[in-house]
Amino acid sequence: MSRIFTLDEARALMPRVKGLTEPAFELATSLAEELEGLETASDTVGAEALRERLNTLVSSWAEAIRDLGPDVKGLWLVDFDAGDGYWCWAYPEEGLDHWHSYEGGFRSRVPVAERPVPAP
């Protein structure tokens, strides 16, 4: 069972979430650029090794985020269970300012101020 976060609790974790995400994103971007070059050069062995490094990086990032309590719902996408949906953050957003229902997913997210009032 996942942990339920108030908005304040989720926002309090954001410096740590961002601290894990930003360097992982920057390294992944660099590796992806290098991978593109290897693929262009038809270096299949080098490209496969780089793909493995990228997969390991993303898996390690996701595990570190989950260890903090939130869910990872996609690449650089972090959701905090609010009890009636999720507080939703995607890198490189500055703050945790969106919410979406369990069913709706990322595409249905709304600003926190527009979150429907939870049923009692």
N, C-alpha and C. Protein backbone atom coordinates (compact mmCIF):
# COMPACT_ATOMS: atom_id res chain seq x y z
N MET A 1 0.84 -1.18 0.00
CA MET A 1 0.00 0.00 0.00
C MET A 1 0.89 1.24 0.00
N SER A 2 0.54 2.20 -0.85
CA SER A 2 1.36 3.40 -0.91
C SER A 2 0.96 4.38 0.19
N ARG A 3 1.86 5.25 0.48
CA ARG A 3 1.64 6.27 1.51
C ARG A 3 0.75 7.37 0.96
N ILE A 4 -0.10 7.92 1.81
CA ILE A 4 -0.95 9.07 1.45
C ILE A 4 -0.21 10.33 1.90
N PHE A 5 -0.12 11.31 1.02
CA PHE A 5 0.57 12.57 1.29
C PHE A 5 -0.40 13.74 1.30
N THR A 6 -0.26 14.60 2.29
CA THR A 6 -0.91 15.90 2.19
C THR A 6 -0.09 16.70 1.18
N LEU A 7 -0.66 17.78 0.69
CA LEU A 7 0.09 18.61 -0.25
C LEU A 7 1.36 19.15 0.42
N ASP A 8 1.26 19.57 1.67
CA ASP A 8 2.44 20.10 2.38
C ASP A 8 3.53 19.03 2.53
N GLU A 9 3.13 17.79 2.85
CA GLU A 9 4.11 16.71 2.99
C GLU A 9 4.79 16.43 1.65
N ALA A 10 4.01 16.40 0.59
CA ALA A 10 4.57 16.15 -0.73
C ALA A 10 5.52 17.28 -1.14
N ARG A 11 5.10 18.49 -0.91
CA ARG A 11 5.96 19.63 -1.27
C ARG A 11 7.24 19.65 -0.44
N ALA A 12 7.17 19.19 0.79
CA ALA A 12 8.37 19.14 1.63
C ALA A 12 9.41 18.16 1.07
N LEU A 13 8.97 17.16 0.33
CA LEU A 13 9.90 16.19 -0.27
C LEU A 13 10.46 16.66 -1.62
N MET A 14 9.89 17.70 -2.17
CA MET A 14 10.29 18.12 -3.51
C MET A 14 11.77 18.48 -3.66
N PRO A 15 12.41 19.11 -2.68
CA PRO A 15 13.85 19.36 -2.86
C PRO A 15 14.64 18.06 -3.06
N ARG A 16 14.26 17.01 -2.36
CA ARG A 16 14.95 15.73 -2.51
C ARG A 16 14.61 15.09 -3.85
N VAL A 17 13.34 15.17 -4.25
CA VAL A 17 12.92 14.62 -5.55
C VAL A 17 13.67 15.33 -6.67
N LYS A 18 13.70 16.64 -6.61
CA LYS A 18 14.40 17.41 -7.64
C LYS A 18 15.91 17.16 -7.60
N GLY A 19 16.45 16.99 -6.38
CA GLY A 19 17.88 16.72 -6.22
C GLY A 19 18.29 15.38 -6.82
N LEU A 20 17.38 14.43 -6.84
CA LEU A 20 17.64 13.14 -7.49
C LEU A 20 17.38 13.20 -8.99
N THR A 21 16.39 13.98 -9.39
CA THR A 21 15.95 13.99 -10.77
C THR A 21 16.84 14.80 -11.69
N GLU A 22 17.22 15.99 -11.27
CA GLU A 22 17.99 16.87 -12.16
C GLU A 22 19.29 16.24 -12.65
N PRO A 23 20.14 15.71 -11.77
CA PRO A 23 21.38 15.12 -12.28
C PRO A 23 21.13 13.86 -13.12
N ALA A 24 20.11 13.09 -12.77
CA ALA A 24 19.79 11.89 -13.56
C ALA A 24 19.32 12.31 -14.95
N PHE A 25 18.50 13.33 -15.02
CA PHE A 25 18.02 13.83 -16.30
C PHE A 25 19.19 14.33 -17.16
N GLU A 26 20.07 15.12 -16.55
CA GLU A 26 21.20 15.67 -17.30
C GLU A 26 22.11 14.57 -17.83
N LEU A 27 22.39 13.56 -17.00
CA LEU A 27 23.22 12.45 -17.45
C LEU A 27 22.51 11.66 -18.54
N ALA A 28 21.22 11.42 -18.38
CA ALA A 28 20.45 10.68 -19.39
C ALA A 28 20.44 11.43 -20.72
N THR A 29 20.31 12.74 -20.67
CA THR A 29 20.34 13.55 -21.89
C THR A 29 21.68 13.42 -22.59
N SER A 30 22.75 13.48 -21.82
CA SER A 30 24.10 13.33 -22.38
C SER A 30 24.29 11.95 -22.99
N LEU A 31 23.85 10.92 -22.28
CA LEU A 31 23.99 9.56 -22.79
C LEU A 31 23.13 9.35 -24.04
N ALA A 32 21.96 9.94 -24.07
CA ALA A 32 21.08 9.81 -25.25
C ALA A 32 21.71 10.46 -26.47
N GLU A 33 22.37 11.60 -26.27
CA GLU A 33 23.06 12.26 -27.39
C GLU A 33 24.21 11.39 -27.88
N GLU A 34 24.95 10.81 -26.94
CA GLU A 34 26.05 9.92 -27.31
C GLU A 34 25.50 8.68 -28.04
N LEU A 35 24.39 8.16 -27.58
CA LEU A 35 23.76 7.00 -28.20
C LEU A 35 23.35 7.31 -29.64
N GLU A 36 22.80 8.48 -29.84
CA GLU A 36 22.41 8.89 -31.20
C GLU A 36 23.61 8.87 -32.14
N GLY A 37 24.74 9.35 -31.65
CA GLY A 37 25.95 9.33 -32.46
C GLY A 37 26.41 7.92 -32.78
N LEU A 38 26.35 7.03 -31.80
CA LEU A 38 26.74 5.64 -32.04
C LEU A 38 25.80 4.96 -33.03
N GLU A 39 24.51 5.26 -32.91
CA GLU A 39 23.55 4.67 -33.85
C GLU A 39 23.77 5.20 -35.26
N THR A 40 24.09 6.48 -35.39
CA THR A 40 24.37 7.06 -36.68
C THR A 40 25.60 6.41 -37.30
N ALA A 41 26.59 6.10 -36.46
CA ALA A 41 27.82 5.46 -36.91
C ALA A 41 27.66 3.94 -37.05
N SER A 42 26.45 3.44 -36.80
CA SER A 42 26.17 2.00 -36.87
C SER A 42 27.04 1.17 -35.93
N ASP A 43 27.38 1.75 -34.78
CA ASP A 43 28.14 1.02 -33.75
C ASP A 43 27.15 0.30 -32.85
N THR A 44 26.71 -0.88 -33.28
CA THR A 44 25.67 -1.59 -32.54
C THR A 44 26.14 -2.07 -31.17
N VAL A 45 27.39 -2.45 -31.04
CA VAL A 45 27.91 -2.92 -29.75
C VAL A 45 27.95 -1.76 -28.76
N GLY A 46 28.51 -0.64 -29.19
CA GLY A 46 28.57 0.53 -28.32
C GLY A 46 27.20 1.06 -27.99
N ALA A 47 26.29 1.05 -28.97
CA ALA A 47 24.93 1.53 -28.75
C ALA A 47 24.21 0.65 -27.74
N GLU A 48 24.38 -0.65 -27.83
CA GLU A 48 23.71 -1.55 -26.88
C GLU A 48 24.24 -1.33 -25.46
N ALA A 49 25.53 -1.15 -25.33
CA ALA A 49 26.12 -0.89 -24.01
C ALA A 49 25.58 0.42 -23.43
N LEU A 50 25.44 1.42 -24.27
CA LEU A 50 24.93 2.71 -23.82
C LEU A 50 23.44 2.61 -23.45
N ARG A 51 22.67 1.84 -24.20
CA ARG A 51 21.26 1.62 -23.85
C ARG A 51 21.15 0.98 -22.47
N GLU A 52 22.02 0.04 -22.19
CA GLU A 52 22.02 -0.61 -20.87
C GLU A 52 22.33 0.40 -19.77
N ARG A 53 23.30 1.28 -20.02
CA ARG A 53 23.63 2.31 -19.04
C ARG A 53 22.44 3.24 -18.80
N LEU A 54 21.76 3.62 -19.88
CA LEU A 54 20.58 4.47 -19.75
C LEU A 54 19.48 3.77 -18.95
N ASN A 55 19.24 2.51 -19.26
CA ASN A 55 18.22 1.76 -18.53
C ASN A 55 18.56 1.65 -17.05
N THR A 56 19.82 1.41 -16.74
CA THR A 56 20.26 1.31 -15.35
C THR A 56 20.09 2.65 -14.64
N LEU A 57 20.44 3.73 -15.31
CA LEU A 57 20.30 5.07 -14.74
C LEU A 57 18.83 5.36 -14.41
N VAL A 58 17.94 5.11 -15.36
CA VAL A 58 16.53 5.39 -15.15
C VAL A 58 15.95 4.49 -14.06
N SER A 59 16.33 3.23 -14.05
CA SER A 59 15.85 2.31 -13.01
C SER A 59 16.33 2.74 -11.63
N SER A 60 17.57 3.16 -11.54
CA SER A 60 18.13 3.62 -10.26
C SER A 60 17.42 4.89 -9.78
N TRP A 61 17.16 5.81 -10.72
CA TRP A 61 16.43 7.02 -10.36
C TRP A 61 15.04 6.67 -9.83
N ALA A 62 14.33 5.81 -10.56
CA ALA A 62 12.97 5.44 -10.16
C ALA A 62 12.97 4.77 -8.78
N GLU A 63 13.92 3.91 -8.54
CA GLU A 63 14.00 3.23 -7.23
C GLU A 63 14.26 4.24 -6.11
N ALA A 64 15.16 5.19 -6.36
CA ALA A 64 15.47 6.21 -5.35
C ALA A 64 14.24 7.07 -5.04
N ILE A 65 13.45 7.40 -6.07
CA ILE A 65 12.23 8.18 -5.86
C ILE A 65 11.23 7.37 -5.06
N ARG A 66 11.02 6.12 -5.45
CA ARG A 66 10.06 5.26 -4.73
C ARG A 66 10.48 5.06 -3.28
N ASP A 67 11.78 5.03 -3.02
CA ASP A 67 12.26 4.89 -1.64
C ASP A 67 11.83 6.07 -0.77
N LEU A 68 11.59 7.23 -1.39
CA LEU A 68 11.11 8.41 -0.66
C LEU A 68 9.62 8.33 -0.36
N GLY A 69 8.89 7.49 -1.10
CA GLY A 69 7.46 7.33 -0.86
C GLY A 69 6.54 7.58 -2.04
N PRO A 70 6.89 8.49 -2.97
CA PRO A 70 5.99 8.70 -4.11
C PRO A 70 6.10 7.56 -5.13
N ASP A 71 5.21 7.63 -6.13
CA ASP A 71 5.21 6.68 -7.23
C ASP A 71 5.88 7.32 -8.44
N VAL A 72 6.51 6.50 -9.25
CA VAL A 72 7.06 6.94 -10.53
C VAL A 72 6.09 6.45 -11.58
N LYS A 73 5.52 7.38 -12.34
CA LYS A 73 4.51 7.02 -13.33
C LYS A 73 5.00 7.14 -14.76
N GLY A 74 6.22 7.55 -14.93
CA GLY A 74 6.80 7.69 -16.26
C GLY A 74 8.17 8.31 -16.12
N LEU A 75 8.79 8.52 -17.25
CA LEU A 75 10.13 9.09 -17.24
C LEU A 75 10.08 10.52 -16.73
N TRP A 76 10.71 10.74 -15.57
CA TRP A 76 10.81 12.03 -14.89
C TRP A 76 9.44 12.52 -14.43
N LEU A 77 8.52 11.60 -14.18
CA LEU A 77 7.17 11.91 -13.74
C LEU A 77 6.91 11.26 -12.39
N VAL A 78 6.60 12.09 -11.39
CA VAL A 78 6.46 11.63 -10.01
C VAL A 78 5.07 11.99 -9.49
N ASP A 79 4.40 10.99 -8.91
CA ASP A 79 3.07 11.18 -8.33
C ASP A 79 3.08 10.84 -6.85
N PHE A 80 2.47 11.71 -6.06
CA PHE A 80 2.30 11.50 -4.63
C PHE A 80 0.83 11.18 -4.40
N ASP A 81 0.53 10.05 -3.79
CA ASP A 81 -0.85 9.65 -3.55
C ASP A 81 -1.50 10.63 -2.57
N ALA A 82 -2.60 11.25 -3.01
CA ALA A 82 -3.31 12.23 -2.19
C ALA A 82 -4.53 11.63 -1.50
N GLY A 83 -4.78 10.35 -1.73
CA GLY A 83 -5.93 9.71 -1.12
C GLY A 83 -7.17 9.71 -2.02
N ASP A 84 -7.21 10.63 -2.97
CA ASP A 84 -8.31 10.71 -3.93
C ASP A 84 -7.79 10.94 -5.35
N GLY A 85 -6.52 10.81 -5.50
CA GLY A 85 -5.82 11.07 -6.76
C GLY A 85 -4.36 11.29 -6.45
N TYR A 86 -3.68 12.03 -7.30
CA TYR A 86 -2.24 12.24 -7.12
C TYR A 86 -1.86 13.71 -7.24
N TRP A 87 -0.95 14.14 -6.35
CA TRP A 87 -0.21 15.38 -6.56
C TRP A 87 0.81 15.00 -7.62
N CYS A 88 0.91 15.75 -8.68
CA CYS A 88 1.67 15.31 -9.86
C CYS A 88 2.77 16.32 -10.21
N TRP A 89 3.97 15.79 -10.43
CA TRP A 89 5.11 16.64 -10.80
C TRP A 89 5.87 15.99 -11.95
N ALA A 90 6.28 16.81 -12.90
CA ALA A 90 7.09 16.34 -14.02
C ALA A 90 8.29 17.27 -14.17
N TYR A 91 9.47 16.67 -14.28
CA TYR A 91 10.68 17.47 -14.50
C TYR A 91 10.56 18.15 -15.84
N PRO A 92 10.86 19.43 -15.96
CA PRO A 92 11.58 20.33 -15.06
C PRO A 92 10.69 21.34 -14.33
N GLU A 93 9.45 20.99 -14.03
CA GLU A 93 8.59 21.93 -13.34
C GLU A 93 9.23 22.39 -12.04
N GLU A 94 8.99 23.64 -11.70
CA GLU A 94 9.59 24.21 -10.50
C GLU A 94 8.96 23.67 -9.22
N GLY A 95 7.64 23.62 -9.21
CA GLY A 95 6.96 23.23 -7.98
C GLY A 95 5.97 22.11 -8.21
N LEU A 96 5.41 21.64 -7.12
CA LEU A 96 4.38 20.61 -7.15
C LEU A 96 3.04 21.33 -7.17
N ASP A 97 2.52 21.56 -8.36
CA ASP A 97 1.38 22.45 -8.52
C ASP A 97 0.20 21.82 -9.25
N HIS A 98 0.21 20.49 -9.45
CA HIS A 98 -0.86 19.84 -10.18
C HIS A 98 -1.40 18.62 -9.44
N TRP A 99 -2.62 18.28 -9.77
CA TRP A 99 -3.30 17.10 -9.21
C TRP A 99 -4.05 16.41 -10.34
N HIS A 100 -4.18 15.08 -10.25
CA HIS A 100 -5.07 14.37 -11.17
C HIS A 100 -5.69 13.18 -10.46
N SER A 101 -6.84 12.74 -10.97
CA SER A 101 -7.55 11.62 -10.38
C SER A 101 -6.78 10.33 -10.64
N TYR A 102 -7.16 9.28 -9.92
CA TYR A 102 -6.54 7.98 -10.14
C TYR A 102 -6.81 7.50 -11.57
N GLU A 103 -8.01 7.72 -12.05
CA GLU A 103 -8.40 7.23 -13.37
C GLU A 103 -7.88 8.10 -14.50
N GLY A 104 -7.77 9.38 -14.25
CA GLY A 104 -7.49 10.33 -15.32
C GLY A 104 -6.06 10.35 -15.83
N GLY A 105 -5.11 10.16 -14.96
CA GLY A 105 -3.72 10.18 -15.38
C GLY A 105 -3.20 11.58 -15.69
N PHE A 106 -1.97 11.61 -16.14
CA PHE A 106 -1.25 12.85 -16.38
C PHE A 106 -2.01 13.82 -17.28
N ARG A 107 -2.60 13.32 -18.33
CA ARG A 107 -3.29 14.19 -19.30
C ARG A 107 -4.49 14.92 -18.70
N SER A 108 -5.00 14.40 -17.59
CA SER A 108 -6.18 15.03 -16.99
C SER A 108 -5.83 15.92 -15.80
N ARG A 109 -4.55 16.16 -15.58
CA ARG A 109 -4.18 16.91 -14.39
C ARG A 109 -4.64 18.36 -14.48
N VAL A 110 -4.87 18.92 -13.32
CA VAL A 110 -5.34 20.30 -13.19
C VAL A 110 -4.48 20.99 -12.14
N PRO A 111 -4.45 22.33 -12.16
CA PRO A 111 -3.75 23.03 -11.09
C PRO A 111 -4.35 22.65 -9.74
N VAL A 112 -3.51 22.61 -8.71
CA VAL A 112 -3.94 22.23 -7.37
C VAL A 112 -5.18 23.01 -6.93
N ALA A 113 -5.24 24.29 -7.26
CA ALA A 113 -6.37 25.13 -6.85
C ALA A 113 -7.68 24.67 -7.50
N GLU A 114 -7.61 23.90 -8.59
CA GLU A 114 -8.82 23.43 -9.29
C GLU A 114 -9.15 21.99 -8.94
N ARG A 115 -8.45 21.41 -7.99
CA ARG A 115 -8.73 20.04 -7.55
C ARG A 115 -10.16 19.95 -7.02
N PRO A 116 -10.90 18.95 -7.46
CA PRO A 116 -12.26 18.80 -6.92
C PRO A 116 -12.19 18.53 -5.42
N VAL A 117 -13.19 18.99 -4.70
CA VAL A 117 -13.25 18.77 -3.27
C VAL A 117 -13.49 17.28 -3.02
N PRO A 118 -12.60 16.62 -2.23
CA PRO A 118 -12.79 15.19 -1.96
C PRO A 118 -14.08 14.93 -1.20
N ALA A 119 -14.72 13.81 -1.53
CA ALA A 119 -15.93 13.41 -0.81
C ALA A 119 -15.55 13.00 0.62
N PRO A 120 -16.43 13.29 1.60
CA PRO A 120 -16.10 12.95 2.99
C PRO A 120 -16.07 11.44 3.23
